[in-house]
Amino acid sequence: MAQTKQQIQSLLADAGAKPRRRFGQNFMIDGNLVRIVADAGQIAPGDLVIEVGPGTGSLSEELLARGANVLAVEIDRALAEVLRKRFAQAGNFTLIEADALMGKHALDARIVEAIGREKTAGRLVRLVANLPYNAASPLIVESLIAGVDLLAITVQKEVADRLRSGPDCKEYGTLSIVAQLLSRVEVVRTLPPQAFWPMPKIESALVRMTRQDRLGIHAAAFGTFIHRVFSARRKTLRNALTMAGVDADKLLADAGISGLARPEQIAPADFLRLFEAIGGEAEIPWWPVIIEMPPLIG
């Protein structure tokens, strides 16, 4: 059963803890919504489910009840101790006490290893979580790049809008493009501030992302490429590419994209064509740098 606000407050008080803004902690206190989040994960018994920011374990308990093998990742030491005590007898619960992100753009190696084991065995991997607000975007992208098959996550509504946004929208950008080339994005429902404690000042949204990978091993390099293009989003593509020292007209012609277009006007599929055209151009001086650099999605 999902925890009430009073139960969460009691658990925190017993642990000498309180919600920490630096970790983006807002605890879900609506039991019906906890079940809806778990439903969105489409969990089958025995599935590996990664939960980032489990807090006091309300969603964890629901996932365990559905037969999931839960890999919980909690950065807060006090909350990690709460989780150890609550699930000490649960054989299908594993806790990693750490930041899920190594730096800003790589998952903790233990998470990557767990995903790799499941994928090698031909099993699906899910991420079901009330994501910390301050780390949602990189966690989403890095999870998809690492091979997670389905994400059912609560995020700020602003992040949800960015994930599903299209060209010529103010929310459209790097996150929109990379997410849509790695997955099918659905906003299941919006969540009111009253569903959480402490109550945030903004609405949240439950988002389901089902893996549809069109980038393969080049996902990280593509993320870096898009970030660089959008750093000059007010320039035309021709000008941005020319400034980088490439034959912009040839590349744009090969990709079938107008040189007068600006980045916020270009659809994800068109960016993919441009990326592929650049990849085949041996004379581009910064292409090897893109391949070697980590993604710059934030």
Protein backbone atom coordinates (compact mmCIF):
# COMPACT_ATOMS: atom_id res chain seq x y z
CA MET A 1 0.00 0.00 0.00
CA ALA A 2 1.28 3.48 -0.88
CA GLN A 3 2.48 5.62 1.99
CA THR A 4 0.51 8.60 3.22
CA LYS A 5 2.07 11.99 3.85
CA GLN A 6 2.04 11.30 7.58
CA GLN A 7 3.74 7.92 7.15
CA ILE A 8 6.47 9.44 4.99
CA GLN A 9 7.00 12.23 7.52
CA SER A 10 7.24 9.64 10.30
CA LEU A 11 9.81 7.57 8.40
CA LEU A 12 11.89 10.66 7.73
CA ALA A 13 11.68 11.80 11.34
CA ASP A 14 12.80 8.38 12.61
CA ALA A 15 15.80 8.57 10.24
CA GLY A 16 16.62 12.14 11.23
CA ALA A 17 15.99 13.24 7.65
CA LYS A 18 13.89 15.75 5.76
CA PRO A 19 13.23 16.47 2.07
CA ARG A 20 16.34 17.85 0.42
CA ARG A 21 15.93 20.36 -2.37
CA ARG A 22 19.44 19.71 -3.70
CA PHE A 23 18.35 16.16 -4.56
CA GLY A 24 15.04 17.28 -6.10
CA GLN A 25 13.03 15.30 -3.54
CA ASN A 26 9.23 15.46 -3.77
CA PHE A 27 7.48 12.38 -2.41
CA MET A 28 4.34 11.06 -4.12
CA ILE A 29 1.56 10.84 -1.53
CA ASP A 30 -1.40 9.87 -3.74
CA GLY A 31 -1.76 6.09 -3.53
CA ASN A 32 -3.87 5.88 -6.67
CA LEU A 33 -1.19 7.69 -8.68
CA VAL A 34 1.50 5.35 -7.35
CA ARG A 35 -0.50 2.45 -8.82
CA ILE A 36 -1.01 4.34 -12.09
CA VAL A 37 2.74 4.91 -12.42
CA ALA A 38 3.36 1.20 -11.86
CA ASP A 39 0.64 0.35 -14.41
CA ALA A 40 2.36 2.56 -16.98
CA GLY A 41 5.49 0.45 -16.58
CA GLN A 42 3.68 -2.61 -18.01
CA ILE A 43 5.59 -4.85 -15.61
CA ALA A 44 5.65 -8.63 -15.81
CA PRO A 45 6.89 -10.84 -12.93
CA GLY A 46 10.67 -11.25 -13.09
CA ASP A 47 11.30 -8.03 -15.04
CA LEU A 48 14.25 -5.89 -14.01
CA VAL A 49 12.85 -2.51 -13.01
CA ILE A 50 15.25 0.33 -12.24
CA GLU A 51 13.94 2.94 -9.83
CA VAL A 52 15.97 6.13 -9.47
CA GLY A 53 15.16 8.15 -6.36
CA PRO A 54 12.98 5.62 -4.50
CA GLY A 55 12.79 7.84 -1.41
CA THR A 56 11.00 6.00 1.38
CA GLY A 57 9.98 3.15 -0.90
CA SER A 58 6.32 3.77 -1.66
CA LEU A 59 6.62 2.99 -5.38
CA SER A 60 9.24 0.32 -4.64
CA GLU A 61 6.69 -1.58 -2.56
CA GLU A 62 4.17 -1.47 -5.42
CA LEU A 63 6.77 -2.70 -7.93
CA LEU A 64 7.84 -5.55 -5.64
CA ALA A 65 4.23 -6.58 -5.15
CA ARG A 66 3.96 -7.02 -8.92
CA GLY A 67 6.91 -9.42 -8.96
CA ALA A 68 9.54 -7.06 -10.35
CA ASN A 69 13.22 -7.38 -9.54
CA VAL A 70 13.79 -3.84 -8.33
CA LEU A 71 17.17 -2.15 -8.67
CA ALA A 72 16.78 0.99 -6.55
CA VAL A 73 19.30 3.82 -6.78
CA GLU A 74 19.25 6.31 -3.92
CA ILE A 75 21.78 9.10 -3.37
CA ASP A 76 20.50 10.21 0.06
CA ARG A 77 22.25 8.23 2.83
CA ALA A 78 19.41 8.59 5.32
CA LEU A 79 16.84 7.39 2.81
CA ALA A 80 19.09 4.53 1.73
CA GLU A 81 19.09 3.34 5.35
CA VAL A 82 15.28 3.58 5.46
CA LEU A 83 15.12 1.40 2.34
CA ARG A 84 17.54 -1.19 3.75
CA LYS A 85 15.39 -1.61 6.82
CA ARG A 86 12.09 -1.71 4.95
CA PHE A 87 13.16 -4.27 2.36
CA ALA A 88 15.74 -6.27 4.28
CA GLN A 89 13.76 -9.49 3.72
CA ALA A 90 12.90 -8.82 0.06
CA GLY A 91 14.96 -11.11 -2.15
CA ASN A 92 13.99 -9.20 -5.27
CA PHE A 93 15.18 -5.80 -4.02
CA THR A 94 18.71 -4.49 -4.65
CA LEU A 95 19.90 -1.10 -3.46
CA ILE A 96 22.68 1.01 -4.94
CA GLU A 97 23.54 3.90 -2.66
CA ALA A 98 24.93 6.40 -5.15
CA ASP A 99 24.14 9.08 -7.66
CA ALA A 100 22.59 7.38 -10.69
CA LEU A 101 24.72 9.65 -12.87
CA MET A 102 28.50 9.51 -12.99
CA GLY A 103 29.14 13.15 -13.82
CA LYS A 104 26.24 14.53 -15.80
CA HIS A 105 26.24 12.29 -18.83
CA ALA A 106 26.92 8.69 -17.86
CA LEU A 107 24.99 6.22 -15.75
CA ASP A 108 26.58 4.59 -12.73
CA ALA A 109 28.58 1.59 -14.02
CA ARG A 110 26.55 -0.83 -11.88
CA ILE A 111 23.34 0.25 -13.58
CA VAL A 112 24.91 -0.15 -17.02
CA GLU A 113 26.18 -3.59 -16.04
CA ALA A 114 22.73 -4.70 -14.84
CA ILE A 115 21.12 -3.47 -18.06
CA GLY A 116 23.77 -5.30 -20.10
CA ARG A 117 23.13 -8.59 -18.31
CA GLU A 118 19.41 -8.43 -18.99
CA LYS A 119 19.84 -7.44 -22.62
CA THR A 120 22.40 -10.23 -23.20
CA ALA A 121 19.85 -12.68 -21.81
CA GLY A 122 17.19 -11.29 -24.16
CA ARG A 123 15.09 -9.77 -21.36
CA LEU A 124 13.45 -6.35 -21.28
CA VAL A 125 14.55 -3.61 -18.90
CA ARG A 126 12.26 -0.92 -17.51
CA LEU A 127 12.84 2.30 -15.62
CA VAL A 128 9.85 3.20 -13.44
CA ALA A 129 10.40 6.14 -11.15
CA ASN A 130 9.35 9.46 -9.74
CA LEU A 131 12.51 11.06 -11.13
CA PRO A 132 14.35 13.76 -9.17
CA TYR A 133 13.46 17.03 -10.86
CA ASN A 134 17.05 18.26 -11.04
CA ALA A 135 18.39 15.26 -12.98
CA ALA A 136 15.48 14.09 -15.12
CA SER A 137 16.69 15.07 -18.60
CA PRO A 138 20.14 13.41 -18.54
CA LEU A 139 18.72 10.35 -16.75
CA ILE A 140 16.14 9.91 -19.50
CA VAL A 141 18.61 10.17 -22.36
CA GLU A 142 21.37 8.10 -20.76
CA SER A 143 18.88 5.36 -19.85
CA LEU A 144 17.70 5.12 -23.45
CA ILE A 145 21.27 5.11 -24.75
CA ALA A 146 22.15 2.34 -22.27
CA GLY A 147 19.36 0.14 -23.62
CA VAL A 148 16.35 0.59 -21.32
CA ASP A 149 13.29 -0.62 -23.22
CA LEU A 150 10.53 1.31 -21.46
CA LEU A 151 10.47 4.32 -19.16
CA ALA A 152 7.43 5.17 -17.05
CA ILE A 153 8.45 8.32 -15.21
CA THR A 154 7.05 11.35 -13.48
CA VAL A 155 8.81 14.56 -14.44
CA GLN A 156 8.16 18.28 -14.45
CA LYS A 157 5.48 19.11 -17.01
CA GLU A 158 8.03 21.40 -18.67
CA VAL A 159 10.27 18.38 -19.30
CA ALA A 160 7.30 16.39 -20.63
CA ASP A 161 6.52 19.25 -23.03
CA ARG A 162 10.13 19.26 -24.24
CA LEU A 163 10.12 15.49 -24.76
CA ARG A 164 7.12 15.54 -27.10
CA SER A 165 7.60 18.96 -28.70
CA GLY A 166 7.94 19.39 -32.46
CA PRO A 167 9.53 21.98 -34.78
CA ASP A 168 8.57 25.64 -34.40
CA CYS A 169 7.62 25.17 -30.74
CA LYS A 170 9.50 27.07 -28.05
CA GLU A 171 10.10 23.84 -26.09
CA TYR A 172 11.68 22.08 -29.07
CA GLY A 173 15.38 21.38 -28.81
CA THR A 174 18.08 18.82 -28.16
CA LEU A 175 16.08 16.75 -25.67
CA SER A 176 13.05 16.62 -27.99
CA ILE A 177 15.06 15.40 -30.96
CA VAL A 178 17.20 12.79 -29.22
CA ALA A 179 14.27 11.39 -27.21
CA GLN A 180 12.06 11.08 -30.30
CA LEU A 181 14.78 9.29 -32.29
CA LEU A 182 15.30 6.82 -29.46
CA SER A 183 11.70 6.23 -28.37
CA ARG A 184 7.99 6.74 -28.81
CA VAL A 185 6.92 9.41 -26.30
CA GLU A 186 3.49 9.41 -24.64
CA VAL A 187 2.26 11.79 -21.96
CA VAL A 188 -0.09 9.55 -19.98
CA ARG A 189 -1.49 12.26 -17.71
CA THR A 190 -0.63 15.42 -15.85
CA LEU A 191 -0.23 15.34 -12.07
CA PRO A 192 -1.26 18.19 -9.76
CA PRO A 193 1.15 19.65 -7.22
CA GLN A 194 -1.07 18.27 -4.44
CA ALA A 195 0.01 14.72 -5.40
CA PHE A 196 3.43 15.38 -3.84
CA TRP A 197 4.99 16.44 -0.57
CA PRO A 198 6.59 18.90 -0.27
CA MET A 199 4.17 20.37 -2.79
CA PRO A 200 6.07 21.69 -5.84
CA LYS A 201 5.16 24.98 -7.43
CA ILE A 202 4.64 23.40 -10.85
CA GLU A 203 2.61 20.59 -12.41
CA SER A 204 4.19 17.23 -13.15
CA ALA A 205 3.43 14.65 -15.80
CA LEU A 206 3.56 10.89 -16.13
CA VAL A 207 5.43 10.03 -19.33
CA ARG A 208 5.86 6.63 -20.97
CA MET A 209 8.71 6.22 -23.44
CA THR A 210 8.89 2.99 -25.46
CA ARG A 211 12.22 2.27 -27.10
CA GLN A 212 12.32 2.81 -30.88
CA ASP A 213 16.02 3.30 -31.50
CA ARG A 214 17.01 4.95 -34.79
CA LEU A 215 20.48 6.02 -33.66
CA GLY A 216 22.17 2.78 -32.58
CA ILE A 217 25.79 3.09 -31.51
CA HIS A 218 25.93 6.71 -32.70
CA ALA A 219 23.40 8.01 -30.15
CA ALA A 220 25.98 9.79 -27.99
CA ALA A 221 27.70 11.39 -30.99
CA PHE A 222 24.33 12.46 -32.38
CA GLY A 223 23.48 14.11 -29.06
CA THR A 224 26.69 16.11 -29.19
CA PHE A 225 26.05 17.09 -32.81
CA ILE A 226 22.52 18.34 -32.04
CA HIS A 227 23.74 20.25 -29.00
CA ARG A 228 26.29 22.05 -31.17
CA VAL A 229 23.74 22.86 -33.85
CA PHE A 230 21.32 24.29 -31.27
CA SER A 231 24.06 26.41 -29.71
CA ALA A 232 23.63 28.48 -32.89
CA ARG A 233 19.87 28.08 -33.11
CA ARG A 234 19.33 31.68 -34.30
CA LYS A 235 21.60 31.19 -37.30
CA THR A 236 20.66 29.40 -40.48
CA LEU A 237 22.00 25.89 -40.86
CA ARG A 238 24.12 27.02 -43.80
CA ASN A 239 25.81 29.68 -41.69
CA ALA A 240 26.31 27.38 -38.71
CA LEU A 241 27.92 24.67 -40.82
CA THR A 242 30.01 27.14 -42.82
CA MET A 243 31.37 28.61 -39.59
CA ALA A 244 32.46 25.08 -38.68
CA GLY A 245 34.53 24.92 -41.87
CA VAL A 246 32.47 22.42 -43.86
CA ASP A 247 30.92 22.42 -47.32
CA ALA A 248 27.49 23.38 -46.03
CA ASP A 249 25.76 23.54 -49.40
CA LYS A 250 26.85 20.01 -50.34
CA LEU A 251 25.85 18.53 -46.99
CA LEU A 252 22.48 20.24 -46.94
CA ALA A 253 21.81 19.17 -50.53
CA ASP A 254 22.76 15.57 -49.70
CA ALA A 255 20.36 15.65 -46.75
CA GLY A 256 17.62 17.44 -48.70
CA ILE A 257 17.39 20.30 -46.18
CA SER A 258 17.05 24.01 -46.94
CA GLY A 259 20.10 26.02 -45.97
CA LEU A 260 17.84 28.91 -44.95
CA ALA A 261 16.15 26.85 -42.22
CA ARG A 262 17.01 27.39 -38.57
CA PRO A 263 17.50 24.51 -36.12
CA GLU A 264 14.13 24.94 -34.40
CA GLN A 265 12.43 24.43 -37.78
CA ILE A 266 14.01 21.06 -38.57
CA ALA A 267 12.25 17.76 -37.76
CA PRO A 268 14.14 14.95 -35.98
CA ALA A 269 14.19 12.75 -39.10
CA ASP A 270 15.75 15.59 -41.09
CA PHE A 271 18.45 16.08 -38.46
CA LEU A 272 19.20 12.37 -38.71
CA ARG A 273 19.69 12.67 -42.47
CA LEU A 274 22.03 15.62 -41.97
CA PHE A 275 23.98 13.69 -39.33
CA GLU A 276 24.36 10.73 -41.68
CA ALA A 277 25.52 13.03 -44.49
CA ILE A 278 28.16 14.55 -42.20
CA GLY A 279 29.28 11.07 -41.14
CA GLY A 280 30.12 10.20 -44.71
CA GLU A 281 32.16 13.35 -45.30
CA ALA A 282 35.82 12.50 -44.59
CA GLU A 283 37.06 16.08 -44.83
CA ILE A 284 35.02 17.49 -41.96
CA PRO A 285 37.61 18.49 -39.36
CA TRP A 286 35.38 18.29 -36.28
CA TRP A 287 33.63 14.99 -37.05
CA PRO A 288 36.16 12.83 -35.12
CA VAL A 289 35.81 15.22 -32.17
CA ILE A 290 32.04 14.68 -32.14
CA ILE A 291 32.50 10.92 -32.10
CA GLU A 292 34.89 11.07 -29.14
CA MET A 293 33.04 13.62 -27.02
CA PRO A 294 30.37 12.67 -24.43
CA PRO A 295 26.81 13.79 -25.13
CA LEU A 296 25.96 17.30 -24.00
CA ILE A 297 22.29 16.96 -23.13
CA GLY A 298 21.01 18.75 -20.07
